[in-house]
Amino acid sequence: MCENLDKYIKKEDFDCIGQVARHCDLDKLCIATEEAKIFDVIELFCFDFVDDVLNNWNSEEDEYKLLICGGKYTDKQGHNHYLLGFKKLWVYYSYSRYLLINQLNDTANGNVEKRNDFSLPTPLKEITDFSNKYRKMGLEVYKNLLEYLKENSEKYPHFGNCKNCGECGSEENHTGGKTKKMTGFSFTTITK
């Protein structure tokens, strides 16, 4: 089936993020989680760190439980904060991609848009706007995680330990919170 949905993220993790219907296409959700992992999460944090997090996904260590699931923590100055968590970051980016992927169905006749008498498809512009909304929320979760990780880097030995990762602590330049946006569409205005 889908390693991401079997080992890391469950359909229920999307319940408070976006509307994944009871009859959601799990194959498309799997594609979205894999694309988000490769093109968003690894781009943000580098493979070494993401691999370390995935290897500690079910760890009993409090540091990894907090990092993955989020929760309240106290910084070194004694102030309380709320960490949103690695899982939430991955879910936001996955849902952003799922919104776009879910619009088309692959058939023997090529990609088609399903229609019936009782519903109309949402215009692509609106879908893209919603997708971008969830990407922006994912970026806010990233900033929250980054703030926590910079202050607690000694707890996570692979954080900042990768080439071209200036945003997360190494001396070389990195993407600075940018991911590979996927829409697959380019809009232009044609005039005569």
Protein backbone atom coordinates (compact mmCIF):
# COMPACT_ATOMS: atom_id res chain seq x y z
CA MET A 1 0.00 0.00 0.00
CA CYS A 2 1.42 3.36 1.00
CA GLU A 3 4.37 3.51 3.39
CA ASN A 4 3.61 7.10 4.41
CA LEU A 5 -0.01 6.29 5.32
CA ASP A 6 0.93 2.97 6.94
CA LYS A 7 3.87 4.11 9.06
CA TYR A 8 3.64 7.86 9.63
CA ILE A 9 0.49 9.77 8.77
CA LYS A 10 -3.05 8.48 9.15
CA LYS A 11 -6.14 9.70 7.35
CA GLU A 12 -7.41 10.91 10.73
CA ASP A 13 -4.46 13.35 10.95
CA PHE A 14 -6.24 15.39 8.26
CA ASP A 15 -9.45 15.72 10.28
CA CYS A 16 -8.62 19.11 11.80
CA ILE A 17 -6.64 20.34 8.80
CA GLY A 18 -8.92 20.00 5.79
CA GLN A 19 -11.92 18.13 4.56
CA VAL A 20 -10.84 14.65 3.54
CA ALA A 21 -14.11 12.87 2.90
CA ARG A 22 -14.96 9.52 4.45
CA HIS A 23 -14.65 8.03 0.96
CA CYS A 24 -11.41 9.83 0.13
CA ASP A 25 -9.18 8.33 -2.55
CA LEU A 26 -6.39 6.88 -0.42
CA ASP A 27 -4.22 6.26 -3.49
CA LYS A 28 -4.29 9.98 -4.27
CA LEU A 29 -3.69 10.83 -0.62
CA CYS A 30 -0.67 8.50 -0.72
CA ILE A 31 0.68 10.30 -3.79
CA ALA A 32 0.17 13.65 -2.06
CA THR A 33 2.02 12.57 1.10
CA GLU A 34 4.93 11.21 -0.94
CA GLU A 35 5.16 14.34 -3.08
CA ALA A 36 4.99 16.52 0.03
CA LYS A 37 7.76 14.49 1.67
CA ILE A 38 10.05 14.70 -1.35
CA PHE A 39 9.33 18.18 -2.70
CA ASP A 40 8.39 20.08 0.46
CA VAL A 41 9.53 18.51 3.72
CA ILE A 42 12.97 17.33 2.56
CA GLU A 43 13.46 20.63 0.72
CA LEU A 44 12.77 22.51 3.94
CA PHE A 45 14.90 20.44 6.30
CA CYS A 46 17.31 18.31 4.22
CA PHE A 47 17.29 14.54 3.89
CA ASP A 48 19.57 13.76 6.88
CA PHE A 49 17.25 15.45 9.33
CA VAL A 50 14.01 14.11 7.80
CA ASP A 51 15.46 10.60 7.75
CA ASP A 52 16.36 10.94 11.44
CA VAL A 53 12.83 12.10 12.28
CA LEU A 54 11.26 9.23 10.31
CA ASN A 55 13.59 6.72 12.00
CA ASN A 56 12.42 8.05 15.39
CA TRP A 57 8.73 8.38 14.47
CA ASN A 58 7.59 5.89 17.12
CA SER A 59 10.36 6.72 19.59
CA GLU A 60 9.52 6.87 23.27
CA GLU A 61 11.98 9.75 23.72
CA ASP A 62 10.17 12.91 24.82
CA GLU A 63 12.25 15.07 22.45
CA TYR A 64 11.04 13.19 19.37
CA LYS A 65 7.45 12.89 20.60
CA LEU A 66 7.34 16.68 21.02
CA LEU A 67 9.05 17.34 17.69
CA ILE A 68 6.74 15.03 15.75
CA CYS A 69 3.38 15.54 17.45
CA GLY A 70 3.87 19.03 18.84
CA GLY A 71 2.85 20.34 22.23
CA LYS A 72 3.71 22.80 24.93
CA TYR A 73 7.35 23.43 25.81
CA THR A 74 9.37 25.91 27.85
CA ASP A 75 12.24 27.75 26.18
CA LYS A 76 15.62 28.40 27.80
CA GLN A 77 14.40 31.77 29.12
CA GLY A 78 11.48 30.10 30.93
CA HIS A 79 8.74 31.20 28.49
CA ASN A 80 6.03 28.76 27.45
CA HIS A 81 5.42 28.10 23.75
CA TYR A 82 3.38 25.73 21.62
CA LEU A 83 5.16 23.63 19.01
CA LEU A 84 2.91 22.65 16.12
CA GLY A 85 4.92 19.56 15.19
CA PHE A 86 6.57 17.88 12.23
CA LYS A 87 3.50 15.76 11.49
CA LYS A 88 1.29 18.85 11.14
CA LEU A 89 3.80 20.40 8.72
CA TRP A 90 3.74 17.25 6.57
CA VAL A 91 -0.06 17.06 6.69
CA TYR A 92 -0.54 20.70 5.61
CA TYR A 93 1.76 20.29 2.62
CA SER A 94 0.19 16.91 1.78
CA TYR A 95 -3.31 18.33 1.88
CA SER A 96 -2.26 21.22 -0.33
CA ARG A 97 -1.11 18.71 -2.92
CA TYR A 98 -4.09 16.40 -2.43
CA LEU A 99 -6.48 19.23 -3.33
CA LEU A 100 -4.84 19.49 -6.75
CA ILE A 101 -4.28 15.78 -7.37
CA ASN A 102 -7.84 14.84 -6.40
CA GLN A 103 -9.43 16.84 -9.23
CA LEU A 104 -8.63 14.40 -12.02
CA ASN A 105 -9.19 10.70 -12.50
CA ASP A 106 -7.01 8.56 -14.73
CA THR A 107 -9.10 6.40 -17.06
CA ALA A 108 -8.59 4.38 -20.24
CA ASN A 109 -9.60 7.57 -22.07
CA GLY A 110 -7.01 9.70 -20.28
CA ASN A 111 -7.51 12.12 -17.39
CA VAL A 112 -11.14 13.03 -16.91
CA GLU A 113 -13.14 15.24 -14.61
CA LYS A 114 -16.08 13.38 -13.06
CA ARG A 115 -19.47 15.12 -13.14
CA ASN A 116 -22.96 14.11 -12.16
CA ASP A 117 -26.39 15.73 -12.11
CA PHE A 118 -26.20 16.74 -8.46
CA SER A 119 -22.83 18.43 -8.21
CA LEU A 120 -20.53 20.69 -10.16
CA PRO A 121 -16.75 20.64 -10.00
CA THR A 122 -15.08 23.50 -8.18
CA PRO A 123 -13.29 25.83 -10.61
CA LEU A 124 -9.54 25.25 -10.84
CA LYS A 125 -8.81 28.80 -9.69
CA GLU A 126 -10.63 28.17 -6.40
CA ILE A 127 -8.89 24.82 -5.90
CA THR A 128 -5.52 26.46 -6.53
CA ASP A 129 -6.35 29.24 -4.07
CA PHE A 130 -7.26 26.68 -1.39
CA SER A 131 -4.10 24.72 -2.14
CA ASN A 132 -2.01 27.87 -1.74
CA LYS A 133 -3.80 28.65 1.54
CA TYR A 134 -2.71 25.29 2.97
CA ARG A 135 0.84 25.75 1.65
CA LYS A 136 1.02 29.08 3.49
CA MET A 137 -0.19 27.42 6.68
CA GLY A 138 2.47 24.75 6.17
CA LEU A 139 5.07 27.52 5.91
CA GLU A 140 3.87 28.96 9.23
CA VAL A 141 4.26 25.52 10.84
CA TYR A 142 7.77 25.37 9.34
CA LYS A 143 8.67 28.73 10.91
CA ASN A 144 7.34 27.48 14.26
CA LEU A 145 9.41 24.29 13.98
CA LEU A 146 12.50 26.17 12.86
CA GLU A 147 12.36 28.49 15.87
CA TYR A 148 12.11 25.49 18.20
CA LEU A 149 14.87 23.55 16.41
CA LYS A 150 17.34 26.42 16.41
CA GLU A 151 16.96 26.75 20.17
CA ASN A 152 17.10 22.98 20.76
CA SER A 153 19.52 21.84 18.07
CA GLU A 154 21.63 19.89 20.58
CA LYS A 155 18.70 17.46 21.02
CA TYR A 156 18.57 16.69 17.29
CA PRO A 157 22.06 15.87 16.00
CA HIS A 158 21.01 15.75 12.32
CA PHE A 159 19.40 19.19 12.32
CA GLY A 160 21.65 21.53 10.35
CA ASN A 161 23.94 18.61 9.54
CA CYS A 162 23.52 18.64 5.79
CA LYS A 163 24.97 20.30 2.77
CA ASN A 164 23.34 23.53 1.57
CA CYS A 165 21.26 23.98 4.67
CA GLY A 166 21.97 27.56 5.78
CA GLU A 167 18.39 28.14 6.96
CA CYS A 168 18.62 25.39 9.55
CA GLY A 169 22.07 26.07 10.90
CA SER A 170 24.88 25.04 8.57
CA GLU A 171 27.07 27.67 6.95
CA GLU A 172 25.99 27.03 3.37
CA ASN A 173 22.94 28.48 1.63
CA HIS A 174 19.63 26.56 1.50
CA THR A 175 16.11 27.07 0.16
CA GLY A 176 15.17 29.37 3.04
CA GLY A 177 11.74 27.87 3.56
CA LYS A 178 10.89 27.57 -0.12
CA THR A 179 9.47 24.35 -1.51
CA LYS A 180 8.70 23.11 -4.97
CA LYS A 181 5.19 24.38 -5.64
CA MET A 182 3.08 22.12 -7.77
CA THR A 183 0.11 23.25 -9.76
CA GLY A 184 0.84 21.82 -13.19
CA PHE A 185 -0.99 24.73 -14.77
CA SER A 186 0.14 28.00 -16.22
CA PHE A 187 -2.38 30.78 -16.77
CA THR A 188 -1.98 33.36 -19.52
CA THR A 189 -4.29 35.92 -21.03
CA ILE A 190 -4.65 35.69 -24.78
CA THR A 191 -5.56 38.83 -26.67
CA LYS A 192 -5.99 39.47 -30.37
